Amino acid sequence: MPPPSNRPNPYNPQRATPEPTLQSVTFPKSPVTFAEIRTLLKRGLIGTFHAVSEQHLQRYCTEFDFRWNHRIALGVNDVQRTSALLKGIEGSG
């Protein structure tokens, strides 16, 4: 317990309120498991497409892969994501 401070305690004037302490907790990074990837893929597909056909499964997976690799958590902003998207569609068609 940290030492008491000089701040008055509103609930008990006889005791001082301890200063709040900030602690940072660091968790080790763990690799993403197959079950986590499968869950994210399933949630992404059902939430976006609502129905998935086997005929277009590769396209769904490719889009999900693009979104996963170009997410904000990796430092990719909207401009970079759009640029990568436009580069990916060049020559298709």
N, C-alpha and C. Protein backbone atom coordinates (compact mmCIF):
# COMPACT_ATOMS: atom_id res chain seq x y z
N MET A 1 0.85 -1.18 0.00
CA MET A 1 0.00 0.00 0.00
C MET A 1 0.89 1.24 0.00
N PRO A 2 0.57 2.21 -0.88
CA PRO A 2 1.41 3.40 -0.92
C PRO A 2 1.23 4.23 0.36
N PRO A 3 2.22 5.03 0.68
CA PRO A 3 2.10 5.86 1.88
C PRO A 3 0.97 6.86 1.73
N PRO A 4 0.32 7.22 2.83
CA PRO A 4 -0.80 8.17 2.74
C PRO A 4 -0.32 9.54 2.29
N SER A 5 -1.20 10.25 1.63
CA SER A 5 -0.86 11.60 1.18
C SER A 5 -1.50 12.61 2.13
N ASN A 6 -1.40 13.84 1.76
CA ASN A 6 -1.98 14.89 2.58
C ASN A 6 -3.41 15.23 2.19
N ARG A 7 -3.94 14.49 1.22
CA ARG A 7 -5.31 14.78 0.79
C ARG A 7 -6.29 14.30 1.86
N PRO A 8 -7.30 15.08 2.19
CA PRO A 8 -8.28 14.63 3.18
C PRO A 8 -9.19 13.56 2.56
N ASN A 9 -9.60 12.64 3.38
CA ASN A 9 -10.52 11.59 2.97
C ASN A 9 -11.93 12.09 3.25
N PRO A 10 -12.78 12.21 2.21
CA PRO A 10 -14.13 12.75 2.44
C PRO A 10 -15.00 11.83 3.28
N TYR A 11 -14.69 10.55 3.36
CA TYR A 11 -15.50 9.60 4.12
C TYR A 11 -15.04 9.46 5.57
N ASN A 12 -13.77 9.72 5.80
CA ASN A 12 -13.22 9.64 7.15
C ASN A 12 -12.17 10.73 7.30
N PRO A 13 -12.54 11.86 7.89
CA PRO A 13 -11.59 12.98 7.98
C PRO A 13 -10.34 12.67 8.79
N GLN A 14 -10.36 11.62 9.60
CA GLN A 14 -9.20 11.29 10.42
C GLN A 14 -8.10 10.61 9.62
N ARG A 15 -8.45 10.06 8.45
CA ARG A 15 -7.47 9.34 7.63
C ARG A 15 -7.23 10.06 6.32
N ALA A 16 -6.02 10.01 5.85
CA ALA A 16 -5.68 10.62 4.57
C ALA A 16 -5.94 9.61 3.45
N THR A 17 -6.27 10.10 2.27
CA THR A 17 -6.52 9.24 1.11
C THR A 17 -5.21 8.98 0.39
N PRO A 18 -4.90 7.71 0.11
CA PRO A 18 -3.65 7.44 -0.61
C PRO A 18 -3.73 7.95 -2.04
N GLU A 19 -2.60 8.36 -2.56
CA GLU A 19 -2.53 8.80 -3.96
C GLU A 19 -2.73 7.61 -4.87
N PRO A 20 -3.48 7.77 -5.96
CA PRO A 20 -3.64 6.65 -6.88
C PRO A 20 -2.32 6.35 -7.58
N THR A 21 -2.07 5.09 -7.82
CA THR A 21 -0.86 4.69 -8.53
C THR A 21 -1.24 4.09 -9.86
N LEU A 22 -0.45 4.38 -10.86
CA LEU A 22 -0.67 3.82 -12.19
C LEU A 22 0.37 2.74 -12.43
N GLN A 23 -0.11 1.59 -12.87
CA GLN A 23 0.79 0.50 -13.18
C GLN A 23 0.50 0.05 -14.60
N SER A 24 1.54 -0.21 -15.33
CA SER A 24 1.32 -0.72 -16.68
C SER A 24 1.59 -2.22 -16.67
N VAL A 25 0.74 -2.92 -17.35
CA VAL A 25 0.87 -4.37 -17.44
C VAL A 25 1.19 -4.71 -18.88
N THR A 26 2.22 -5.48 -19.09
CA THR A 26 2.62 -5.89 -20.43
C THR A 26 2.41 -7.39 -20.56
N PHE A 27 1.63 -7.77 -21.55
CA PHE A 27 1.39 -9.18 -21.81
C PHE A 27 2.29 -9.62 -22.96
N PRO A 28 2.81 -10.83 -22.89
CA PRO A 28 3.62 -11.31 -24.02
C PRO A 28 2.75 -11.52 -25.25
N LYS A 29 3.31 -11.21 -26.40
CA LYS A 29 2.56 -11.39 -27.64
C LYS A 29 2.54 -12.88 -27.97
N SER A 30 1.34 -13.35 -28.28
CA SER A 30 1.22 -14.75 -28.63
C SER A 30 0.82 -14.85 -30.09
N PRO A 31 1.26 -15.91 -30.76
CA PRO A 31 0.87 -16.07 -32.16
C PRO A 31 -0.64 -16.33 -32.27
N VAL A 32 -1.21 -15.91 -33.36
CA VAL A 32 -2.62 -16.12 -33.59
C VAL A 32 -2.83 -17.59 -33.96
N THR A 33 -3.75 -18.23 -33.28
CA THR A 33 -3.98 -19.65 -33.52
C THR A 33 -4.94 -19.84 -34.69
N PHE A 34 -4.99 -21.05 -35.18
CA PHE A 34 -5.89 -21.37 -36.29
C PHE A 34 -7.34 -21.13 -35.88
N ALA A 35 -7.68 -21.47 -34.65
CA ALA A 35 -9.06 -21.29 -34.18
C ALA A 35 -9.44 -19.81 -34.19
N GLU A 36 -8.51 -18.93 -33.79
CA GLU A 36 -8.79 -17.50 -33.80
C GLU A 36 -8.98 -16.99 -35.23
N ILE A 37 -8.14 -17.44 -36.14
CA ILE A 37 -8.26 -17.02 -37.54
C ILE A 37 -9.58 -17.51 -38.12
N ARG A 38 -9.92 -18.77 -37.82
CA ARG A 38 -11.18 -19.33 -38.32
C ARG A 38 -12.37 -18.54 -37.78
N THR A 39 -12.33 -18.18 -36.50
CA THR A 39 -13.42 -17.42 -35.90
C THR A 39 -13.53 -16.04 -36.54
N LEU A 40 -12.40 -15.36 -36.72
CA LEU A 40 -12.43 -14.04 -37.35
C LEU A 40 -12.93 -14.12 -38.79
N LEU A 41 -12.50 -15.13 -39.52
CA LEU A 41 -12.95 -15.31 -40.89
C LEU A 41 -14.45 -15.58 -40.95
N LYS A 42 -14.91 -16.47 -40.08
CA LYS A 42 -16.34 -16.80 -40.06
C LYS A 42 -17.17 -15.56 -39.72
N ARG A 43 -16.76 -14.82 -38.69
CA ARG A 43 -17.49 -13.62 -38.30
C ARG A 43 -17.46 -12.57 -39.40
N GLY A 44 -16.30 -12.43 -40.05
CA GLY A 44 -16.18 -11.46 -41.14
C GLY A 44 -17.03 -11.82 -42.34
N LEU A 45 -17.04 -13.09 -42.68
CA LEU A 45 -17.83 -13.52 -43.84
C LEU A 45 -19.32 -13.42 -43.57
N ILE A 46 -19.76 -13.90 -42.42
CA ILE A 46 -21.19 -13.86 -42.11
C ILE A 46 -21.65 -12.42 -41.92
N GLY A 47 -20.83 -11.59 -41.29
CA GLY A 47 -21.21 -10.21 -41.06
C GLY A 47 -21.23 -9.36 -42.32
N THR A 48 -20.41 -9.72 -43.32
CA THR A 48 -20.33 -8.93 -44.53
C THR A 48 -21.19 -9.49 -45.65
N PHE A 49 -21.10 -10.78 -45.88
CA PHE A 49 -21.73 -11.36 -47.05
C PHE A 49 -23.04 -12.10 -46.75
N HIS A 50 -23.25 -12.52 -45.51
CA HIS A 50 -24.47 -13.19 -45.07
C HIS A 50 -24.67 -14.57 -45.69
N ALA A 51 -24.07 -14.85 -46.79
CA ALA A 51 -24.12 -16.17 -47.42
C ALA A 51 -22.83 -16.36 -48.20
N VAL A 52 -22.30 -17.56 -48.16
CA VAL A 52 -21.03 -17.85 -48.82
C VAL A 52 -21.22 -19.07 -49.71
N SER A 53 -20.84 -18.92 -50.97
CA SER A 53 -20.91 -20.06 -51.87
C SER A 53 -19.50 -20.61 -52.08
N GLU A 54 -19.42 -21.90 -52.27
CA GLU A 54 -18.13 -22.54 -52.47
C GLU A 54 -17.45 -22.04 -53.74
N GLN A 55 -18.25 -21.66 -54.71
CA GLN A 55 -17.73 -21.17 -55.99
C GLN A 55 -16.87 -19.92 -55.81
N HIS A 56 -17.24 -19.04 -54.89
CA HIS A 56 -16.53 -17.77 -54.69
C HIS A 56 -15.74 -17.73 -53.38
N LEU A 57 -15.53 -18.87 -52.75
CA LEU A 57 -14.85 -18.90 -51.46
C LEU A 57 -13.46 -18.28 -51.52
N GLN A 58 -12.72 -18.52 -52.60
CA GLN A 58 -11.38 -17.96 -52.72
C GLN A 58 -11.43 -16.43 -52.74
N ARG A 59 -12.43 -15.85 -53.40
CA ARG A 59 -12.55 -14.39 -53.44
C ARG A 59 -12.85 -13.83 -52.06
N TYR A 60 -13.72 -14.51 -51.30
CA TYR A 60 -14.03 -14.06 -49.95
C TYR A 60 -12.77 -14.10 -49.08
N CYS A 61 -12.03 -15.18 -49.18
CA CYS A 61 -10.80 -15.31 -48.38
C CYS A 61 -9.75 -14.29 -48.78
N THR A 62 -9.65 -14.00 -50.07
CA THR A 62 -8.69 -12.99 -50.54
C THR A 62 -9.06 -11.61 -50.01
N GLU A 63 -10.34 -11.28 -50.01
CA GLU A 63 -10.76 -9.98 -49.48
C GLU A 63 -10.51 -9.91 -47.98
N PHE A 64 -10.81 -10.97 -47.26
CA PHE A 64 -10.57 -10.99 -45.82
C PHE A 64 -9.08 -10.85 -45.54
N ASP A 65 -8.24 -11.52 -46.32
CA ASP A 65 -6.79 -11.42 -46.18
C ASP A 65 -6.32 -9.98 -46.38
N PHE A 66 -6.88 -9.31 -47.40
CA PHE A 66 -6.52 -7.92 -47.65
C PHE A 66 -6.89 -7.04 -46.46
N ARG A 67 -8.10 -7.23 -45.96
CA ARG A 67 -8.55 -6.41 -44.82
C ARG A 67 -7.69 -6.65 -43.59
N TRP A 68 -7.34 -7.91 -43.34
CA TRP A 68 -6.53 -8.24 -42.16
C TRP A 68 -5.13 -7.63 -42.27
N ASN A 69 -4.54 -7.66 -43.46
CA ASN A 69 -3.19 -7.16 -43.64
C ASN A 69 -3.11 -5.64 -43.83
N HIS A 70 -4.24 -4.99 -43.97
CA HIS A 70 -4.26 -3.54 -44.15
C HIS A 70 -5.15 -2.87 -43.10
N ARG A 71 -5.10 -3.36 -41.87
CA ARG A 71 -5.94 -2.81 -40.81
C ARG A 71 -5.22 -1.67 -40.10
N ILE A 72 -5.99 -0.90 -39.37
CA ILE A 72 -5.47 0.28 -38.67
C ILE A 72 -4.46 -0.13 -37.60
N ALA A 73 -4.65 -1.28 -36.97
CA ALA A 73 -3.73 -1.73 -35.92
C ALA A 73 -2.31 -1.90 -36.44
N LEU A 74 -2.15 -2.11 -37.74
CA LEU A 74 -0.82 -2.23 -38.33
C LEU A 74 -0.28 -0.89 -38.81
N GLY A 75 -1.03 0.18 -38.57
CA GLY A 75 -0.58 1.51 -38.96
C GLY A 75 -0.96 1.90 -40.37
N VAL A 76 -1.90 1.19 -40.97
CA VAL A 76 -2.33 1.50 -42.34
C VAL A 76 -3.54 2.42 -42.27
N ASN A 77 -3.42 3.59 -42.87
CA ASN A 77 -4.55 4.52 -42.85
C ASN A 77 -5.40 4.33 -44.10
N ASP A 78 -6.49 5.10 -44.20
CA ASP A 78 -7.43 4.95 -45.31
C ASP A 78 -6.79 5.22 -46.67
N VAL A 79 -5.90 6.21 -46.74
CA VAL A 79 -5.26 6.56 -48.00
C VAL A 79 -4.37 5.41 -48.47
N GLN A 80 -3.58 4.87 -47.56
CA GLN A 80 -2.69 3.75 -47.91
C GLN A 80 -3.51 2.52 -48.32
N ARG A 81 -4.60 2.28 -47.60
CA ARG A 81 -5.45 1.13 -47.91
C ARG A 81 -6.07 1.27 -49.29
N THR A 82 -6.56 2.47 -49.60
CA THR A 82 -7.17 2.72 -50.92
C THR A 82 -6.13 2.58 -52.02
N SER A 83 -4.93 3.10 -51.78
CA SER A 83 -3.87 2.99 -52.78
C SER A 83 -3.52 1.53 -53.05
N ALA A 84 -3.42 0.72 -51.99
CA ALA A 84 -3.12 -0.70 -52.16
C ALA A 84 -4.25 -1.41 -52.89
N LEU A 85 -5.47 -1.01 -52.61
CA LEU A 85 -6.63 -1.61 -53.28
C LEU A 85 -6.61 -1.32 -54.77
N LEU A 86 -6.33 -0.06 -55.12
CA LEU A 86 -6.30 0.32 -56.53
C LEU A 86 -5.15 -0.35 -57.27
N LYS A 87 -4.01 -0.53 -56.59
CA LYS A 87 -2.90 -1.24 -57.22
C LYS A 87 -3.26 -2.70 -57.46
N GLY A 88 -4.08 -3.26 -56.58
CA GLY A 88 -4.46 -4.66 -56.70
C GLY A 88 -5.43 -4.93 -57.83
N ILE A 89 -6.19 -3.91 -58.25
CA ILE A 89 -7.16 -4.15 -59.32
C ILE A 89 -6.63 -3.77 -60.69
N GLU A 90 -5.42 -3.19 -60.76
CA GLU A 90 -4.84 -2.86 -62.06
C GLU A 90 -4.62 -4.14 -62.86
N GLY A 91 -5.04 -4.12 -64.09
CA GLY A 91 -4.81 -5.27 -64.95
C GLY A 91 -5.84 -6.36 -64.83
N SER A 92 -6.75 -6.26 -63.87
CA SER A 92 -7.79 -7.29 -63.77
C SER A 92 -8.95 -6.92 -64.69
N GLY A 93 -9.64 -7.90 -65.11
CA GLY A 93 -10.84 -7.60 -65.91
C GLY A 93 -10.84 -8.18 -67.25
